[in-house]
Amino acid sequence: MTFSALDPTTVSNIAKSDNINQPVTVWRAIWDQETDTLIGDSAGDNAVMIFKGRISGYRIQDARDTATITLQVDSQFTDFEKVNCRRTNMDNFQREHSNDYSMEFSHETLSDLKWGKP
C-alpha cells in the first residue's frame, strides 16, 4: 500500500515500529460523483472486503516538503510455498527442547488408532 503527498506529522505517526503486525483491511466501495456520496447505506452493506492482513514493514521516500510511505502488508497466504523446515522427529524437536524426549517414538507407525465414532 502506498501513500503519497504526506506531511511530516503523518509520516512520523505511520512510520513507527508499533504499527508492525497491526491489522489491515481493504474494502472496495463505489463513489457516486454526482451526489458526492458512497453508494449503499452507512453500514457498508455494499462494500466488498478485498484484502485482510497485517503490516509487516514500511519504506519511506522523502522529498523536499512531502514524503511517500509504502507499507508492506501480508496475508496468511503471502509466503504459502515457504517450507518451515520443521519435522516431527526427535532430532528436530531437541534443537529447541534439548531435555524433552516426548518425540522419542514419533517415528513409529501406529495402525490401531481409532478415529471418529464407531
C-alpha atoms as a PDB file:
ATOM      1  CA  MET A   1       0.000   0.000   0.000  1.00  0.00           C
ATOM      2  CA  THR A   2       1.458   3.359  -0.993  1.00  0.00           C
ATOM      3  CA  PHE A   3       0.514   6.725   0.478  1.00  0.00           C
ATOM      4  CA  SER A   4       1.950   9.857  -1.107  1.00  0.00           C
ATOM      5  CA  ALA A   5       1.958  13.634  -0.512  1.00  0.00           C
ATOM      6  CA  LEU A   6       2.252  13.138   3.242  1.00  0.00           C
ATOM      7  CA  ASP A   7       3.244  15.857   5.670  1.00  0.00           C
ATOM      8  CA  PRO A   8       5.997  15.144   8.276  1.00  0.00           C
ATOM      9  CA  THR A   9       3.489  14.676  11.116  1.00  0.00           C
ATOM     10  CA  THR A  10       1.611  11.959   9.255  1.00  0.00           C
ATOM     11  CA  VAL A  11       4.876  10.251   8.319  1.00  0.00           C
ATOM     12  CA  SER A  12       6.013  10.164  11.954  1.00  0.00           C
ATOM     13  CA  ASN A  13       2.626   8.759  13.029  1.00  0.00           C
ATOM     14  CA  ILE A  14       2.630   5.957  10.461  1.00  0.00           C
ATOM     15  CA  ALA A  15       6.326   5.031  10.418  1.00  0.00           C
ATOM     16  CA  LYS A  16       6.596   3.567  13.910  1.00  0.00           C
ATOM     17  CA  SER A  17       7.625   0.081  14.939  1.00  0.00           C
ATOM     18  CA  ASP A  18       4.374  -0.110  16.965  1.00  0.00           C
ATOM     19  CA  ASN A  19       2.499  -0.346  13.656  1.00  0.00           C
ATOM     20  CA  ILE A  20       4.271  -3.554  12.596  1.00  0.00           C
ATOM     21  CA  ASN A  21       1.899  -6.535  12.860  1.00  0.00           C
ATOM     22  CA  GLN A  22      -1.174  -4.291  13.099  1.00  0.00           C
ATOM     23  CA  PRO A  23      -4.257  -5.467  11.162  1.00  0.00           C
ATOM     24  CA  VAL A  24      -5.122  -4.023   7.734  1.00  0.00           C
ATOM     25  CA  THR A  25      -8.453  -4.470   5.961  1.00  0.00           C
ATOM     26  CA  VAL A  26      -9.094  -3.044   2.480  1.00  0.00           C
ATOM     27  CA  TRP A  27     -12.685  -2.506   1.376  1.00  0.00           C
ATOM     28  CA  ARG A  28     -13.909  -1.593  -2.093  1.00  0.00           C
ATOM     29  CA  ALA A  29     -16.935   0.670  -2.450  1.00  0.00           C
ATOM     30  CA  ILE A  30     -18.428   2.733  -5.256  1.00  0.00           C
ATOM     31  CA  TRP A  31     -18.367   6.545  -5.069  1.00  0.00           C
ATOM     32  CA  ASP A  32     -21.176   8.493  -6.729  1.00  0.00           C
ATOM     33  CA  GLN A  33     -19.560  11.673  -8.096  1.00  0.00           C
ATOM     34  CA  GLU A  34     -22.881  13.364  -8.819  1.00  0.00           C
ATOM     35  CA  THR A  35     -24.122  13.169  -5.231  1.00  0.00           C
ATOM     36  CA  ASP A  36     -20.621  13.052  -3.670  1.00  0.00           C
ATOM     37  CA  THR A  37     -21.568  10.025  -1.530  1.00  0.00           C
ATOM     38  CA  LEU A  38     -20.817   6.346  -1.212  1.00  0.00           C
ATOM     39  CA  ILE A  39     -23.351   4.102  -2.889  1.00  0.00           C
ATOM     40  CA  GLY A  40     -25.029   1.952  -0.257  1.00  0.00           C
ATOM     41  CA  ASP A  41     -26.053   2.611   3.294  1.00  0.00           C
ATOM     42  CA  SER A  42     -23.956   3.810   6.200  1.00  0.00           C
ATOM     43  CA  ALA A  43     -23.448   0.248   7.476  1.00  0.00           C
ATOM     44  CA  GLY A  44     -21.317  -0.508   4.428  1.00  0.00           C
ATOM     45  CA  ASP A  45     -23.538  -3.282   3.108  1.00  0.00           C
ATOM     46  CA  ASN A  46     -22.410  -2.610  -0.452  1.00  0.00           C
ATOM     47  CA  ALA A  47     -18.689  -2.507   0.347  1.00  0.00           C
ATOM     48  CA  VAL A  48     -16.666  -5.600  -0.501  1.00  0.00           C
ATOM     49  CA  MET A  49     -13.639  -6.696   1.517  1.00  0.00           C
ATOM     50  CA  ILE A  50     -10.802  -7.360  -0.941  1.00  0.00           C
ATOM     51  CA  PHE A  51      -7.852  -7.873   1.430  1.00  0.00           C
ATOM     52  CA  LYS A  52      -7.215  -8.698   5.072  1.00  0.00           C
ATOM     53  CA  GLY A  53      -3.738  -8.961   6.528  1.00  0.00           C
ATOM     54  CA  ARG A  54      -1.116  -7.303   8.722  1.00  0.00           C
ATOM     55  CA  ILE A  55       1.586  -4.659   8.306  1.00  0.00           C
ATOM     56  CA  SER A  56       4.949  -6.408   8.003  1.00  0.00           C
ATOM     57  CA  GLY A  57       7.182  -3.448   7.116  1.00  0.00           C
ATOM     58  CA  TYR A  58       7.419   0.006   5.568  1.00  0.00           C
ATOM     59  CA  ARG A  59       9.655   2.137   3.356  1.00  0.00           C
ATOM     60  CA  ILE A  60       9.834   5.952   3.344  1.00  0.00           C
ATOM     61  CA  GLN A  61      10.838   8.092   0.362  1.00  0.00           C
ATOM     62  CA  ASP A  62      11.446  11.690   1.407  1.00  0.00           C
ATOM     63  CA  ALA A  63      11.089  14.718  -0.842  1.00  0.00           C
ATOM     64  CA  ARG A  64      11.598  18.387  -0.029  1.00  0.00           C
ATOM     65  CA  ASP A  65       8.175  19.133   1.517  1.00  0.00           C
ATOM     66  CA  THR A  66       6.469  15.761   1.408  1.00  0.00           C
ATOM     67  CA  ALA A  67       7.050  12.030   1.643  1.00  0.00           C
ATOM     68  CA  THR A  68       5.756   8.741   0.312  1.00  0.00           C
ATOM     69  CA  ILE A  69       5.289   5.723   2.556  1.00  0.00           C
ATOM     70  CA  THR A  70       4.961   2.225   1.176  1.00  0.00           C
ATOM     71  CA  LEU A  71       3.537  -0.230   3.683  1.00  0.00           C
ATOM     72  CA  GLN A  72       4.230  -3.900   3.127  1.00  0.00           C
ATOM     73  CA  VAL A  73       1.081  -5.776   4.100  1.00  0.00           C
ATOM     74  CA  ASP A  74       0.990  -9.551   4.146  1.00  0.00           C
ATOM     75  CA  SER A  75      -1.848 -12.019   4.443  1.00  0.00           C
ATOM     76  CA  GLN A  76      -1.624 -15.552   5.757  1.00  0.00           C
ATOM     77  CA  PHE A  77      -1.045 -16.704   2.167  1.00  0.00           C
ATOM     78  CA  THR A  78       1.854 -14.349   1.369  1.00  0.00           C
ATOM     79  CA  ASP A  79       4.530 -16.988   1.700  1.00  0.00           C
ATOM     80  CA  PHE A  80       2.325 -20.013   1.132  1.00  0.00           C
ATOM     81  CA  GLU A  81       5.058 -22.019  -0.627  1.00  0.00           C
ATOM     82  CA  LYS A  82       7.638 -21.494   2.145  1.00  0.00           C
ATOM     83  CA  VAL A  83       8.936 -24.642   3.818  1.00  0.00           C
ATOM     84  CA  ASN A  84       9.397 -24.042   7.530  1.00  0.00           C
ATOM     85  CA  CYS A  85      11.831 -26.945   7.932  1.00  0.00           C
ATOM     86  CA  ARG A  86      10.065 -28.293  10.987  1.00  0.00           C
ATOM     87  CA  ARG A  87       9.807 -32.033  11.351  1.00  0.00           C
ATOM     88  CA  THR A  88       8.070 -34.229  13.901  1.00  0.00           C
ATOM     89  CA  ASN A  89      11.107 -36.247  14.852  1.00  0.00           C
ATOM     90  CA  MET A  90      13.349 -36.443  17.885  1.00  0.00           C
ATOM     91  CA  ASP A  91      16.384 -34.666  16.379  1.00  0.00           C
ATOM     92  CA  ASN A  92      14.448 -31.662  15.115  1.00  0.00           C
ATOM     93  CA  PHE A  93      12.440 -31.299  18.325  1.00  0.00           C
ATOM     94  CA  GLN A  94      15.520 -31.408  20.549  1.00  0.00           C
ATOM     95  CA  ARG A  95      17.141 -28.485  18.735  1.00  0.00           C
ATOM     96  CA  GLU A  96      14.868 -26.241  20.781  1.00  0.00           C
ATOM     97  CA  HIS A  97      13.999 -28.542  23.687  1.00  0.00           C
ATOM     98  CA  SER A  98      17.198 -30.459  24.433  1.00  0.00           C
ATOM     99  CA  ASN A  99      15.946 -32.214  27.587  1.00  0.00           C
ATOM    100  CA  ASP A 100      12.500 -33.154  26.274  1.00  0.00           C
ATOM    101  CA  TYR A 101      12.073 -36.724  24.997  1.00  0.00           C
ATOM    102  CA  SER A 102       8.373 -36.533  24.127  1.00  0.00           C
ATOM    103  CA  MET A 103       9.078 -37.174  20.420  1.00  0.00           C
ATOM    104  CA  GLU A 104      11.172 -40.280  21.128  1.00  0.00           C
ATOM    105  CA  PHE A 105       8.721 -42.655  19.458  1.00  0.00           C
ATOM    106  CA  SER A 106       7.366 -40.314  16.772  1.00  0.00           C
ATOM    107  CA  HIS A 107       8.992 -42.396  14.030  1.00  0.00           C
ATOM    108  CA  GLU A 108       6.889 -45.465  14.841  1.00  0.00           C
ATOM    109  CA  THR A 109       3.806 -46.079  12.732  1.00  0.00           C
ATOM    110  CA  LEU A 110       0.641 -46.941  14.589  1.00  0.00           C
ATOM    111  CA  SER A 111      -2.168 -48.681  12.755  1.00  0.00           C
ATOM    112  CA  ASP A 112      -4.501 -49.321  15.678  1.00  0.00           C
ATOM    113  CA  LEU A 113      -5.580 -45.729  16.361  1.00  0.00           C
ATOM    114  CA  LYS A 114      -9.373 -45.427  16.392  1.00  0.00           C
ATOM    115  CA  TRP A 115     -10.632 -42.140  14.854  1.00  0.00           C
ATOM    116  CA  GLY A 116     -14.198 -40.900  14.795  1.00  0.00           C
ATOM    117  CA  LYS A 117     -17.315 -42.588  16.097  1.00  0.00           C
ATOM    118  CA  PRO A 118     -17.694 -46.392  15.865  1.00  0.00           C
END
